[in-house]
């Protein structure tokens, strides 16, 4: 018989909108899984930019989601709700969740959970869901990146950026990235980027045009926004796809749409958190079929920048805001 579950657990709460210091551990009830849900004893949880925006008061959880931050977890299934079919108590999983990851226990939709890849640690597994779901749906679904095409990835040394580099290369694309230091650029190239552009020293539009013989990038993954959007249009190839996933420089831009029309560009974007369980389940199926074998074979692996204990979530958030991290920052329980 499995050990009985505790009634309470430690979770990280946002005591008020503000800096990293507002993240504080609190005792809260252990949640119960509902229909189609599993309860996971969390071993590790990834830190992501949306968590930072939520902490600052700019990104509230969707209706019905926990107000505890945390969008990706890895751990052991300790309870299952009605209607679950795949996972059983004792299985190890990683899961995309709409909130609640910074805690000792977290509920996840079974359809949004995946088995921990063979040979992966829990820290590595917790680094997968948010970034891999995001990159897959935006680069391959919305961006329609194909073998032999060129992709430009902004923020190449971030969790999203490093994932995009590895996946794009694994599926036969040429990868260009921007990053903010020579060290970050060099690291991106060790991951497989064909050309890393230090945006502090070089104009990425000029470099993209030079590298592609004047053609431009077929797909651009942009988490910066602001004036980058207009420059993305200039850097895009004919029939190129510009995919927006975040706005570190703001969500407004001045744009000459004549250029969009002449080059037959597609400007699109998406957010992952508000999407339905069913939509995320479709992404999970694609990842398990096409990407999980690459992980199990060691062809790609998440880049881990640092680990912090759950109670030190504030230090993890301070680290991501320093902007000199490379790869994922993970909380351990």
Protein backbone atom coordinates (compact mmCIF):
# COMPACT_ATOMS: atom_id res chain seq x y z
CA UNK A 1 0.00 0.00 0.00
CA UNK A 2 1.35 3.46 -0.84
CA UNK A 3 1.96 5.78 2.07
CA UNK A 4 -0.97 8.11 2.84
CA UNK A 5 -0.63 11.59 1.45
CA UNK A 6 -0.11 14.53 3.81
CA UNK A 7 -2.90 17.05 4.22
CA UNK A 8 -0.65 20.08 3.73
CA UNK A 9 2.44 20.94 1.71
CA UNK A 10 4.89 23.77 1.12
CA UNK A 11 4.13 25.95 -1.88
CA UNK A 12 5.68 29.21 -3.06
CA UNK A 13 3.17 32.05 -3.01
CA UNK A 14 3.29 35.53 -4.51
CA UNK A 15 2.57 37.64 -1.43
CA UNK A 16 2.08 40.79 -3.52
CA UNK A 17 3.16 41.95 -6.98
CA UNK A 18 6.82 42.89 -6.95
CA UNK A 19 10.41 41.70 -7.08
CA UNK A 20 11.78 38.23 -6.38
CA UNK A 21 11.51 38.80 -2.63
CA UNK A 22 7.69 38.56 -2.76
CA UNK A 23 8.01 34.81 -3.42
CA UNK A 24 7.56 33.18 -0.01
CA UNK A 25 6.98 29.57 1.12
CA UNK A 26 3.59 28.91 2.69
CA UNK A 27 1.74 25.88 4.01
CA UNK A 28 -1.30 25.07 1.86
CA UNK A 29 -3.59 22.05 1.38
CA UNK A 30 -2.40 19.26 -0.90
CA UNK A 31 -4.59 19.40 -4.03
CA UNK A 32 -6.69 16.45 -5.17
CA UNK A 33 -6.75 15.27 -8.79
CA UNK A 34 -10.03 15.68 -10.66
CA UNK A 35 -11.36 13.97 -13.77
CA UNK A 36 -8.54 13.08 -16.13
CA UNK A 37 -5.90 14.42 -13.74
CA UNK A 38 -2.93 13.01 -11.86
CA UNK A 39 -1.29 14.22 -8.65
CA UNK A 40 2.49 14.44 -8.90
CA UNK A 41 4.93 14.57 -6.01
CA UNK A 42 7.19 17.22 -7.46
CA UNK A 43 10.91 16.53 -7.61
CA UNK A 44 11.80 19.55 -9.74
CA UNK A 45 10.05 22.51 -11.37
CA UNK A 46 11.29 24.81 -14.12
CA UNK A 47 11.41 28.60 -13.82
CA UNK A 48 10.18 30.49 -16.89
CA UNK A 49 9.66 34.10 -17.97
CA UNK A 50 5.86 33.84 -17.63
CA UNK A 51 6.42 33.11 -13.92
CA UNK A 52 8.31 36.39 -13.66
CA UNK A 53 5.49 38.28 -15.37
CA UNK A 54 2.95 36.66 -13.04
CA UNK A 55 5.04 37.63 -10.01
CA UNK A 56 5.08 41.23 -11.20
CA UNK A 57 1.30 41.22 -11.58
CA UNK A 58 1.17 41.22 -15.40
CA UNK A 59 0.23 37.62 -16.21
CA UNK A 60 -2.61 36.26 -14.06
CA UNK A 61 -3.35 32.53 -14.15
CA UNK A 62 -6.24 31.43 -16.36
CA UNK A 63 -9.60 30.73 -14.69
CA UNK A 64 -9.48 27.64 -12.52
CA UNK A 65 -5.67 27.42 -12.43
CA UNK A 66 -3.74 27.61 -9.14
CA UNK A 67 -2.31 31.00 -8.26
CA UNK A 68 0.95 29.33 -7.24
CA UNK A 69 3.46 29.95 -10.04
CA UNK A 70 5.16 27.19 -11.98
CA UNK A 71 4.31 25.84 -15.44
CA UNK A 72 6.40 22.67 -15.70
CA UNK A 73 7.21 19.88 -13.29
CA UNK A 74 8.76 16.44 -13.02
CA UNK A 75 8.12 13.86 -10.34
CA UNK A 76 6.29 10.72 -9.28
CA UNK A 77 2.58 10.07 -9.70
CA UNK A 78 1.08 9.56 -6.22
CA UNK A 79 -2.66 9.64 -7.01
CA UNK A 80 -4.93 9.50 -10.04
CA UNK A 81 -8.36 10.98 -10.64
CA UNK A 82 -11.39 9.42 -12.33
CA UNK A 83 -11.01 8.75 -16.03
CA UNK A 84 -7.22 8.49 -16.11
CA UNK A 85 -5.94 5.71 -18.33
CA UNK A 86 -2.23 5.99 -19.00
CA UNK A 87 -0.30 6.71 -15.83
CA UNK A 88 -0.40 4.83 -12.53
CA UNK A 89 0.85 5.52 -9.02
CA UNK A 90 4.62 5.15 -9.04
CA UNK A 91 5.18 6.29 -12.63
CA UNK A 92 7.61 9.15 -13.21
CA UNK A 93 6.41 11.92 -15.48
CA UNK A 94 7.09 15.46 -16.59
CA UNK A 95 4.10 17.67 -17.23
CA UNK A 96 2.99 21.02 -18.55
CA UNK A 97 0.66 22.67 -16.02
CA UNK A 98 -1.30 25.93 -15.99
CA UNK A 99 0.10 26.79 -12.54
CA UNK A 100 1.03 25.25 -9.22
CA UNK A 101 4.45 23.90 -10.09
CA UNK A 102 6.38 25.65 -7.30
CA UNK A 103 5.11 23.21 -4.69
CA UNK A 104 5.70 19.79 -3.15
CA UNK A 105 2.65 18.38 -4.95
CA UNK A 106 0.98 19.51 -8.17
CA UNK A 107 -2.05 18.40 -10.17
CA UNK A 108 -1.57 17.89 -13.92
CA UNK A 109 -3.87 16.87 -16.74
CA UNK A 110 -2.86 13.33 -17.65
CA UNK A 111 -3.03 14.27 -21.34
CA UNK A 112 -0.45 17.02 -20.78
CA UNK A 113 2.02 14.71 -19.06
CA UNK A 114 4.76 12.64 -20.70
CA UNK A 115 7.03 9.90 -19.39
CA UNK A 116 10.46 10.99 -18.21
CA UNK A 117 12.83 10.20 -21.11
CA UNK A 118 15.18 7.27 -20.55
CA UNK A 119 18.30 8.28 -18.68
CA UNK A 120 17.03 11.72 -17.69
CA UNK A 121 17.30 13.17 -14.21
CA UNK A 122 14.27 14.87 -12.69
CA UNK A 123 15.98 18.26 -13.13
CA UNK A 124 16.45 17.58 -16.83
CA UNK A 125 12.88 16.31 -17.18
CA UNK A 126 11.45 19.39 -15.44
CA UNK A 127 13.26 21.53 -18.02
CA UNK A 128 11.36 20.02 -20.94
CA UNK A 129 7.62 20.80 -20.95
CA UNK A 130 7.28 24.58 -21.14
CA UNK A 131 10.13 25.14 -23.56
CA UNK A 132 9.62 22.09 -25.77
CA UNK A 133 5.84 22.58 -26.01
CA UNK A 134 6.42 26.27 -26.81
CA UNK A 135 9.10 25.69 -29.43
CA UNK A 136 7.26 22.84 -31.12
CA UNK A 137 3.93 24.62 -31.49
CA UNK A 138 5.48 27.91 -32.60
CA UNK A 139 8.41 26.83 -34.76
CA UNK A 140 7.01 23.69 -36.35
CA UNK A 141 3.22 24.13 -36.19
CA UNK A 142 2.75 27.87 -36.66
CA UNK A 143 6.13 28.61 -38.26
CA UNK A 144 6.05 25.48 -40.46
CA UNK A 145 9.85 25.21 -40.39
CA UNK A 146 10.97 22.67 -42.99
CA UNK A 147 14.21 20.83 -43.65
CA UNK A 148 16.68 23.03 -45.51
CA UNK A 149 15.10 26.32 -44.42
CA UNK A 150 16.77 29.04 -42.34
CA UNK A 151 15.47 30.05 -38.93
CA UNK A 152 16.51 33.11 -36.93
CA UNK A 153 16.08 32.67 -33.16
CA UNK A 154 16.24 35.71 -30.91
CA UNK A 155 17.48 35.13 -27.37
CA UNK A 156 19.47 32.09 -28.44
CA UNK A 157 20.97 31.41 -25.00
CA UNK A 158 17.63 31.34 -23.15
CA UNK A 159 15.75 28.16 -22.33
CA UNK A 160 13.53 28.69 -25.36
CA UNK A 161 16.48 29.68 -27.52
CA UNK A 162 18.68 26.70 -26.70
CA UNK A 163 15.74 24.36 -27.27
CA UNK A 164 14.93 25.98 -30.62
CA UNK A 165 18.55 25.64 -31.75
CA UNK A 166 18.68 21.92 -30.98
CA UNK A 167 15.28 21.05 -32.42
CA UNK A 168 15.74 23.10 -35.59
CA UNK A 169 19.14 21.50 -36.24
CA UNK A 170 17.77 18.03 -35.49
CA UNK A 171 15.15 18.52 -38.19
CA UNK A 172 17.59 19.78 -40.80
CA UNK A 173 17.32 23.59 -40.66
CA UNK A 174 20.06 26.21 -40.81
CA UNK A 175 20.03 28.11 -37.51
CA UNK A 176 20.97 31.74 -36.91
CA UNK A 177 20.61 33.27 -33.44
CA UNK A 178 21.01 36.55 -31.64
CA UNK A 179 22.50 36.84 -28.16
CA UNK A 180 23.88 39.61 -25.98
CA UNK A 181 27.52 38.58 -25.41
CA UNK A 182 30.36 36.82 -27.15
CA UNK A 183 30.21 34.10 -24.49
CA UNK A 184 26.55 33.44 -25.19
CA UNK A 185 27.15 33.48 -28.93
CA UNK A 186 29.97 30.96 -28.61
CA UNK A 187 27.78 28.68 -26.50
CA UNK A 188 24.95 28.83 -29.03
CA UNK A 189 27.36 27.72 -31.73
CA UNK A 190 28.47 24.75 -29.62
CA UNK A 191 24.81 23.70 -29.53
CA UNK A 192 24.65 23.75 -33.32
CA UNK A 193 23.83 27.31 -34.33
CA UNK A 194 25.40 28.00 -37.72
CA UNK A 195 25.93 31.68 -36.93
CA UNK A 196 25.46 33.53 -33.67
CA UNK A 197 25.04 37.32 -33.83
CA UNK A 198 26.02 39.53 -30.92
CA UNK A 199 23.26 42.12 -31.22
CA UNK A 200 25.33 44.64 -29.24
CA UNK A 201 28.00 44.69 -31.95
CA UNK A 202 26.25 43.65 -35.17
CA UNK A 203 23.06 44.47 -37.04
CA UNK A 204 21.25 41.16 -37.22
CA UNK A 205 19.32 42.18 -40.34
CA UNK A 206 22.56 42.76 -42.24
CA UNK A 207 24.12 39.53 -40.98
CA UNK A 208 21.05 37.44 -41.87
CA UNK A 209 21.00 38.88 -45.38
CA UNK A 210 24.74 38.27 -45.77
CA UNK A 211 24.62 34.68 -44.52
CA UNK A 212 21.62 33.81 -46.70
CA UNK A 213 22.93 35.47 -49.85
CA UNK A 214 20.32 38.22 -49.63
CA UNK A 215 17.36 35.87 -49.24
CA UNK A 216 16.60 36.31 -45.53
CA UNK A 217 15.26 33.95 -42.87
CA UNK A 218 12.33 31.66 -43.63
CA UNK A 219 11.22 31.58 -39.99
CA UNK A 220 11.95 34.10 -37.22
CA UNK A 221 11.19 33.22 -33.59
CA UNK A 222 10.87 36.49 -31.69
CA UNK A 223 10.52 36.83 -27.91
CA UNK A 224 11.72 40.45 -27.91
CA UNK A 225 9.06 42.41 -29.80
CA UNK A 226 9.14 46.21 -29.87
CA UNK A 227 11.32 47.58 -32.64
CA UNK A 228 12.56 44.06 -33.41
CA UNK A 229 9.27 43.38 -35.20
CA UNK A 230 9.96 45.95 -37.92
CA UNK A 231 13.52 44.65 -38.26
CA UNK A 232 12.23 41.06 -38.45
CA UNK A 233 10.18 42.06 -41.48
CA UNK A 234 13.35 43.39 -43.10
CA UNK A 235 15.24 40.18 -42.25
CA UNK A 236 12.55 37.78 -43.48
CA UNK A 237 12.67 35.88 -46.76
CA UNK A 238 9.82 35.94 -49.24
CA UNK A 239 6.90 33.94 -47.81
CA UNK A 240 8.69 34.05 -44.46
CA UNK A 241 6.95 33.44 -41.15
CA UNK A 242 7.54 35.69 -38.13
CA UNK A 243 6.37 34.05 -34.91
CA UNK A 244 5.98 36.21 -31.80
CA UNK A 245 6.00 34.52 -28.38
CA UNK A 246 6.90 37.31 -25.92
CA UNK A 247 7.51 41.05 -25.76
CA UNK A 248 10.55 41.90 -23.65
CA UNK A 249 10.75 45.26 -25.48
CA UNK A 250 7.00 45.82 -25.63
CA UNK A 251 4.05 44.66 -27.72
CA UNK A 252 3.73 47.75 -29.93
CA UNK A 253 5.62 48.44 -33.14
CA UNK A 254 5.44 50.76 -36.14
CA UNK A 255 5.35 48.68 -39.28
CA UNK A 256 5.21 49.31 -43.03
CA UNK A 257 2.76 46.66 -44.20
CA UNK A 258 3.67 47.27 -47.85
CA UNK A 259 6.78 45.22 -47.17
CA UNK A 260 4.67 42.49 -45.54
CA UNK A 261 2.46 42.36 -48.63
CA UNK A 262 5.29 42.48 -51.16
CA UNK A 263 7.16 39.65 -49.49
CA UNK A 264 4.00 37.67 -48.70
CA UNK A 265 4.95 37.41 -45.04
CA UNK A 266 2.99 35.76 -42.26
CA UNK A 267 3.14 37.40 -38.84
CA UNK A 268 1.70 35.13 -36.19
CA UNK A 269 2.15 34.23 -32.54
CA UNK A 270 0.66 32.41 -29.62
CA UNK A 271 0.60 32.00 -25.87
CA UNK A 272 0.66 28.51 -24.42
CA UNK A 273 -0.78 28.81 -20.92
CA UNK A 274 -4.41 29.71 -21.80
CA UNK A 275 -4.77 26.96 -24.42
CA UNK A 276 -7.08 24.06 -23.67
CA UNK A 277 -5.98 20.72 -22.27
CA UNK A 278 -6.95 19.14 -25.60
CA UNK A 279 -4.81 21.57 -27.61
CA UNK A 280 -1.83 20.96 -25.35
CA UNK A 281 -2.47 17.21 -25.58
CA UNK A 282 -2.01 17.39 -29.35
CA UNK A 283 1.36 19.07 -28.85
CA UNK A 284 2.30 16.40 -26.30
CA UNK A 285 1.49 13.64 -28.79
CA UNK A 286 3.68 15.23 -31.46
CA UNK A 287 6.56 15.65 -29.02
CA UNK A 288 6.37 12.06 -27.81
CA UNK A 289 6.35 10.78 -31.37
CA UNK A 290 8.98 13.03 -32.93
CA UNK A 291 11.15 14.49 -30.14
CA UNK A 292 11.16 12.06 -27.20
CA UNK A 293 13.15 9.48 -29.24
CA UNK A 294 15.82 12.14 -29.86
CA UNK A 295 16.02 12.83 -26.12
CA UNK A 296 16.22 9.15 -25.21
CA UNK A 297 18.96 8.64 -27.80
CA UNK A 298 21.01 11.53 -26.38
CA UNK A 299 20.87 13.51 -29.61
CA UNK A 300 19.50 16.54 -27.76
CA UNK A 301 19.28 17.45 -24.08
CA UNK A 302 18.11 20.52 -22.16
CA UNK A 303 20.75 23.02 -21.10
CA UNK A 304 20.68 23.57 -17.33
CA UNK A 305 22.02 26.87 -16.04
CA UNK A 306 21.44 26.44 -12.31
CA UNK A 307 19.38 24.77 -9.59
CA UNK A 308 17.83 26.24 -6.44
CA UNK A 309 15.91 24.60 -3.58
CA UNK A 310 12.17 25.24 -3.63
CA UNK A 311 12.36 27.53 -0.60
CA UNK A 312 14.88 29.70 -2.50
CA UNK A 313 12.56 30.40 -5.44
CA UNK A 314 13.31 34.10 -4.98
CA UNK A 315 16.99 33.42 -5.75
CA UNK A 316 15.96 31.53 -8.87
CA UNK A 317 13.91 34.50 -10.04
CA UNK A 318 16.79 36.86 -9.29
CA UNK A 319 18.99 34.64 -11.46
CA UNK A 320 16.65 34.74 -14.46
CA UNK A 321 16.38 38.52 -14.16
CA UNK A 322 20.16 38.95 -14.18
CA UNK A 323 19.94 38.06 -17.90
CA UNK A 324 23.35 36.39 -17.97
CA UNK A 325 22.04 32.86 -17.51
CA UNK A 326 22.41 30.27 -20.27
CA UNK A 327 19.67 27.65 -20.45
CA UNK A 328 17.14 26.63 -17.81
CA UNK A 329 16.87 27.52 -14.14
CA UNK A 330 15.23 24.80 -12.04
CA UNK A 331 13.82 24.49 -8.52
CA UNK A 332 14.44 21.22 -6.69
CA UNK A 333 12.12 19.79 -4.04
